[in-house]
Each structure stands twice: as structure tokens, then as C-alpha cells.
Amino acid sequence: MSQEVLKIEGLSVAVDGKVILDKVDLTINEGEVHVLMGPNGAGKSTLGYSLMGNPKYEILEGKVTFKGEDLLEKSVDKRAKAGLFLSFQSPQEIPGVTLADFIRSGMEAKGERVSLYKFKKNVKSDLELLNMDASYLDRDLNVGFSGGEKKKAEILQLLCLKPALAILDETDSGLDVDAVRTVSAGVEAYKKSHNGALLIITHSTKILEALSVDRTHVLVGGHIAAEGGPELVDEINENGFEKYLNN
């Protein structure tokens, strides 16, 4: 039986005094792929940022456990060290910090010590999987990167850091078909090699075409309006969210 990784119970969140999430429940087990879908403004990204501890998001009520421990009591860095990973909609540029050094610092924060030479050698197959050449490692993080390159760099971080749960927020946004396939291959490699759990936040379905989905959650107006298996993704792909907007 798979171990429980994340359990959210009655989570309500506000931003600037406005309630964005209302009593959300969600459980993810080891190795599972969950999809959180909903129209723009439904509160999908709010859930991801709240789980990572962004101070902008005020927890009003609820309980969140991560690998059996109270997640909401942990600082942002301790949440990351515990194995929680968030891929951002718009990855930030960090001048003066190379992609290699950024990833290595994350690995060192988790207690892994690896030389730059050994790191570059070990990451070679991951770069090939993502259609990235070794020169990317020496470039400043996301500086001058295209949208697709930024997403690939995040998936490279995912493959190297091997978190227990990866939250991917609109990872397929703005990507062409080839880039979506490449990113999907990286996500699938993470899942298979590490038995990692995934929460994919999206209002699209492009990235899901290459992944095996275990559970689908539809978020509308800050609450879970429907849940189901992969067939729910197909239904939304065909009919949209209209039927849930009126609930």
C-alpha cells in the first residue's frame, strides 16, 4: 500500500482579506499523479503557494500534513528540505547564479555534497532527456532563457532534487507541442525513477496527454466542485468547465 505524502483537510486561504480557497480537502499518496483543474481565477495557484508557505497567503483554517508532519508549522526552507517542490508559472531570473550552482545549492540544503565536476557528469543524461546541452549549466539562471528553456530548467531541478511531491503550476503554459512533449518526458522520468508524487495544476490538458493520471480534482470558486479519475480530464477537454460554474 502506498504511503500518504500529502493530506489537506478543510483548508481555507485568504489574500488581502478575500477568501480564495474554501475548505479544500485533498490527499495524495506516494507515486500518484493528481491533477487540479479549473478556470482562470479558481484558486489553483493559491493552493500551490499556500502549501509552499508564501506569506501573502493567509491560512484561515484547516490542517495540512506532509509525510505525517504538520506542514503549516514549517518555514519555507524546511518545507523544501522536507521534499516539497513547486514549479512556478513564471520562473524568476537570477543574475549571477548559474543553473548548476542553483541546483547544487538545493542539493546541499538537503545534505547532499557533490562537486561541480561530478554534478555535471551525473546530470548529463537528464540534459539529454530534456534536449538541453551542457552549456545551460553555466548560464545564469533563466537569464535570457525562452519560456520553454525556463520550464526545462525547472524540470532539470526536479530530476536532480528528487522531491517527495512536485507541484507543477501551469508548466505547459505557452509551450509549443515539442516543448510540451519534452517537459512531459522529464516529468515521467521523475515519477518512474523516484516514485515521486505529482500535483499538476492546469486549466489546459496538453501536458496530461503523455502522463498517466490517477486522480482529477476540479476547483471552481475556491472549492472542489468535482473529483474523478482520468476520464474527468477527457470530459473537461471536451466540454470545458461550464457545468461546474453553475454549481
Protein backbone atom coordinates (compact mmCIF):
# COMPACT_ATOMS: atom_id res chain seq x y z
CA MET A 1 0.00 0.00 0.00
CA SER A 2 1.35 3.42 -0.97
CA GLN A 3 2.34 5.82 1.79
CA GLU A 4 0.42 9.04 2.23
CA VAL A 5 2.51 12.04 1.19
CA LEU A 6 0.11 14.99 1.48
CA LYS A 7 -3.18 15.35 3.30
CA ILE A 8 -5.14 18.60 3.15
CA GLU A 9 -8.17 18.90 5.43
CA GLY A 10 -10.61 21.82 5.36
CA LEU A 11 -8.03 24.32 4.11
CA SER A 12 -9.29 27.90 3.74
CA VAL A 13 -6.97 30.65 2.50
CA ALA A 14 -7.36 34.40 2.06
CA VAL A 15 -5.40 37.05 0.15
CA ASP A 16 -5.76 40.67 1.28
CA GLY A 17 -8.80 39.69 3.33
CA LYS A 18 -10.59 37.94 0.46
CA VAL A 19 -11.25 34.19 0.80
CA ILE A 20 -9.72 32.39 -2.20
CA LEU A 21 -9.84 28.76 -1.03
CA ASP A 22 -12.80 27.46 0.95
CA LYS A 23 -12.48 24.22 2.96
CA VAL A 24 -10.41 22.27 0.43
CA ASP A 25 -9.76 18.55 1.07
CA LEU A 26 -7.17 16.59 -0.92
CA THR A 27 -4.99 13.52 -0.28
CA ILE A 28 -2.03 12.39 -2.39
CA ASN A 29 -0.14 9.12 -1.93
CA GLU A 30 3.38 8.17 -2.97
CA GLY A 31 3.80 7.73 -6.72
CA GLU A 32 0.39 9.16 -7.61
CA VAL A 33 -0.32 11.78 -10.27
CA HIS A 34 -3.09 14.19 -9.29
CA VAL A 35 -4.45 16.94 -11.49
CA LEU A 36 -6.02 20.13 -10.19
CA MET A 37 -8.02 21.74 -12.97
CA GLY A 38 -10.21 24.77 -13.11
CA PRO A 39 -10.83 28.01 -14.98
CA ASN A 40 -8.57 31.03 -14.52
CA GLY A 41 -9.11 32.64 -11.12
CA ALA A 42 -10.43 29.48 -9.48
CA GLY A 43 -7.68 29.47 -6.83
CA LYS A 44 -5.42 26.75 -8.26
CA SER A 45 -2.15 28.64 -7.90
CA THR A 46 -3.20 29.85 -4.45
CA LEU A 47 -3.15 26.25 -3.26
CA GLY A 48 0.41 25.72 -4.51
CA TYR A 49 1.75 28.95 -2.99
CA SER A 50 -0.06 28.30 0.29
CA LEU A 51 1.50 24.85 0.59
CA MET A 52 4.97 26.32 0.00
CA GLY A 53 4.41 28.95 2.70
CA ASN A 54 4.23 32.20 0.71
CA PRO A 55 3.40 34.84 3.37
CA LYS A 56 1.00 36.62 1.02
CA TYR A 57 -1.47 33.78 1.54
CA GLU A 58 -3.20 33.76 4.94
CA ILE A 59 -4.27 30.37 6.29
CA LEU A 60 -7.69 30.90 7.87
CA GLU A 61 -8.37 27.34 8.92
CA GLY A 62 -7.55 23.74 8.12
CA LYS A 63 -4.80 21.20 8.54
CA VAL A 64 -2.04 20.07 6.17
CA THR A 65 0.25 17.13 6.87
CA PHE A 66 3.25 16.27 4.71
CA LYS A 67 4.81 12.85 5.22
CA GLY A 68 2.97 12.68 8.53
CA GLU A 69 4.19 16.04 9.87
CA ASP A 70 2.40 19.37 10.24
CA LEU A 71 3.39 21.28 7.11
CA LEU A 72 1.91 24.61 8.16
CA GLU A 73 4.26 24.83 11.16
CA LYS A 74 7.35 24.58 8.94
CA SER A 75 9.26 27.53 7.49
CA VAL A 76 9.55 27.83 3.70
CA ASP A 77 13.09 26.41 3.59
CA LYS A 78 12.14 23.48 5.82
CA ARG A 79 9.20 22.65 3.56
CA ALA A 80 11.62 22.44 0.63
CA LYS A 81 14.12 20.38 2.63
CA ALA A 82 11.31 18.01 3.63
CA GLY A 83 10.78 17.25 -0.07
CA LEU A 84 8.16 19.70 -1.36
CA PHE A 85 8.85 21.28 -4.77
CA LEU A 86 6.93 24.00 -6.60
CA SER A 87 7.36 24.81 -10.28
CA PHE A 88 6.29 28.42 -10.88
CA GLN A 89 4.11 29.79 -13.69
CA SER A 90 6.74 32.43 -14.40
CA PRO A 91 10.22 31.32 -13.22
CA GLN A 92 12.35 34.23 -12.00
CA GLU A 93 15.66 35.31 -13.48
CA ILE A 94 18.59 35.22 -11.03
CA PRO A 95 21.62 37.05 -12.47
CA GLY A 96 24.98 35.95 -11.09
CA VAL A 97 23.84 32.46 -10.12
CA THR A 98 24.35 29.69 -12.68
CA LEU A 99 21.82 26.95 -13.21
CA ALA A 100 24.39 24.40 -11.97
CA ASP A 101 25.13 26.31 -8.77
CA PHE A 102 21.43 26.90 -8.10
CA ILE A 103 20.63 23.19 -8.32
CA ARG A 104 23.72 22.20 -6.32
CA SER A 105 22.75 24.62 -3.54
CA GLY A 106 19.36 22.91 -3.36
CA MET A 107 21.02 19.52 -3.16
CA GLU A 108 23.39 20.73 -0.43
CA ALA A 109 20.46 22.09 1.56
CA LYS A 110 19.16 18.53 1.66
CA GLY A 111 22.52 17.24 2.87
CA GLU A 112 23.94 16.11 -0.50
CA ARG A 113 27.52 17.24 -1.17
CA VAL A 114 28.64 16.97 -4.77
CA SER A 115 31.48 18.64 -6.65
CA LEU A 116 30.73 20.73 -9.72
CA TYR A 117 32.62 18.26 -11.91
CA LYS A 118 30.72 15.26 -10.56
CA PHE A 119 27.41 17.11 -10.77
CA LYS A 120 27.92 17.96 -14.44
CA LYS A 121 28.85 14.34 -15.15
CA ASN A 122 25.83 12.94 -13.29
CA VAL A 123 23.33 15.30 -14.89
CA LYS A 124 24.36 14.55 -18.47
CA SER A 125 21.59 12.01 -19.13
CA ASP A 126 18.95 14.36 -17.69
CA LEU A 127 20.12 17.14 -20.01
CA GLU A 128 19.87 14.80 -22.98
CA LEU A 129 16.35 13.78 -21.97
CA LEU A 130 15.32 17.44 -21.91
CA ASN A 131 17.13 18.33 -25.17
CA MET A 132 19.44 20.72 -23.33
CA ASP A 133 23.17 20.95 -23.99
CA ALA A 134 25.73 21.24 -21.19
CA SER A 135 26.21 24.98 -21.77
CA TYR A 136 22.92 25.66 -19.98
CA LEU A 137 24.55 24.69 -16.68
CA ASP A 138 26.96 27.63 -16.89
CA ARG A 139 24.33 30.21 -17.80
CA ASP A 140 22.78 32.48 -15.17
CA LEU A 141 19.50 31.00 -14.01
CA ASN A 142 16.74 31.84 -16.52
CA VAL A 143 18.56 34.95 -17.78
CA GLY A 144 17.90 35.13 -21.50
CA PHE A 145 16.05 31.81 -21.41
CA SER A 146 12.99 31.35 -23.60
CA GLY A 147 9.74 30.22 -21.97
CA GLY A 148 10.42 26.63 -22.97
CA GLU A 149 14.01 26.77 -21.68
CA LYS A 150 12.81 28.07 -18.30
CA LYS A 151 10.39 25.16 -17.99
CA LYS A 152 13.07 22.66 -18.96
CA ALA A 153 15.41 24.16 -16.36
CA GLU A 154 12.73 23.63 -13.72
CA ILE A 155 12.23 20.03 -14.74
CA LEU A 156 16.01 19.55 -14.55
CA GLN A 157 15.82 20.82 -10.96
CA LEU A 158 13.02 18.35 -10.33
CA LEU A 159 15.09 15.43 -11.64
CA CYS A 160 18.12 16.43 -9.56
CA LEU A 161 16.38 17.29 -6.29
CA LYS A 162 14.03 14.27 -6.34
CA PRO A 163 11.33 15.73 -4.05
CA ALA A 164 8.65 13.58 -2.44
CA LEU A 165 5.96 15.78 -4.01
CA ALA A 166 6.27 18.09 -7.01
CA ILE A 167 3.63 20.76 -7.57
CA LEU A 168 3.72 21.86 -11.20
CA ASP A 169 1.85 25.13 -11.71
CA GLU A 170 0.84 25.65 -15.36
CA THR A 171 4.08 24.01 -16.53
CA ASP A 172 2.71 23.64 -20.07
CA SER A 173 1.62 27.29 -20.35
CA GLY A 174 2.90 28.96 -23.51
CA LEU A 175 4.85 25.93 -24.72
CA ASP A 176 4.72 24.55 -28.25
CA VAL A 177 3.91 20.89 -28.89
CA ASP A 178 7.54 19.73 -28.98
CA ALA A 179 8.40 21.53 -25.73
CA VAL A 180 5.35 20.03 -24.01
CA ARG A 181 6.46 16.54 -25.07
CA THR A 182 9.98 17.17 -23.76
CA VAL A 183 8.76 18.53 -20.42
CA SER A 184 6.29 15.63 -20.11
CA ALA A 185 9.11 13.14 -20.69
CA GLY A 186 11.09 14.76 -17.87
CA VAL A 187 8.11 14.66 -15.52
CA GLU A 188 7.50 11.00 -16.35
CA ALA A 189 11.18 10.21 -15.72
CA TYR A 190 10.96 11.83 -12.28
CA LYS A 191 7.88 9.80 -11.44
CA LYS A 192 9.36 6.48 -12.58
CA SER A 193 12.86 6.88 -11.17
CA HIS A 194 11.86 8.26 -7.79
CA ASN A 195 8.25 7.07 -7.40
CA GLY A 196 7.55 10.73 -6.77
CA ALA A 197 4.07 12.13 -6.33
CA LEU A 198 2.77 14.92 -8.56
CA LEU A 199 0.14 17.62 -8.25
CA ILE A 200 -0.28 19.18 -11.68
CA ILE A 201 -2.11 22.50 -11.64
CA THR A 202 -3.54 23.45 -15.02
CA HIS A 203 -6.53 24.77 -16.91
CA SER A 204 -5.28 23.04 -20.05
CA THR A 205 -4.75 19.35 -20.82
CA LYS A 206 -1.66 19.39 -23.06
CA ILE A 207 0.85 18.12 -20.51
CA LEU A 208 -1.54 15.39 -19.37
CA GLU A 209 -1.60 13.64 -22.74
CA ALA A 210 1.74 11.95 -22.05
CA LEU A 211 1.13 11.19 -18.36
CA SER A 212 -0.89 8.56 -16.53
CA VAL A 213 -3.32 10.41 -14.24
CA ASP A 214 -4.59 8.76 -11.07
CA ARG A 215 -6.97 11.39 -9.74
CA THR A 216 -8.54 14.58 -11.07
CA HIS A 217 -9.89 17.45 -8.95
CA VAL A 218 -11.93 20.32 -10.38
CA LEU A 219 -11.52 23.59 -8.47
CA VAL A 220 -14.16 26.24 -9.07
CA GLY A 221 -14.73 29.33 -6.94
CA GLY A 222 -12.25 28.19 -4.32
CA HIS A 223 -13.78 24.79 -3.61
CA ILE A 224 -13.53 21.31 -5.10
CA ALA A 225 -16.56 21.01 -7.36
CA ALA A 226 -15.88 17.51 -8.68
CA GLU A 227 -13.42 14.63 -8.39
CA GLY A 228 -12.75 11.58 -10.52
CA GLY A 229 -10.22 9.59 -12.47
CA PRO A 230 -8.51 10.36 -15.78
CA GLU A 231 -11.88 10.25 -17.55
CA LEU A 232 -12.70 13.58 -15.89
CA VAL A 233 -9.79 15.18 -17.77
CA ASP A 234 -11.27 13.90 -21.03
CA GLU A 235 -14.69 15.25 -20.14
CA ILE A 236 -13.32 18.71 -19.37
CA ASN A 237 -11.23 18.65 -22.52
CA GLU A 238 -14.41 18.06 -24.50
CA ASN A 239 -16.96 20.16 -22.60
CA GLY A 240 -15.00 22.69 -20.54
CA PHE A 241 -15.92 23.81 -17.02
CA GLU A 242 -19.35 25.23 -17.78
CA LYS A 243 -21.34 22.60 -15.86
CA TYR A 244 -19.30 23.23 -12.71
CA LEU A 245 -19.51 27.00 -12.84
CA ASN A 246 -23.22 26.86 -12.08
CA ASN A 247 -22.92 24.53 -9.08
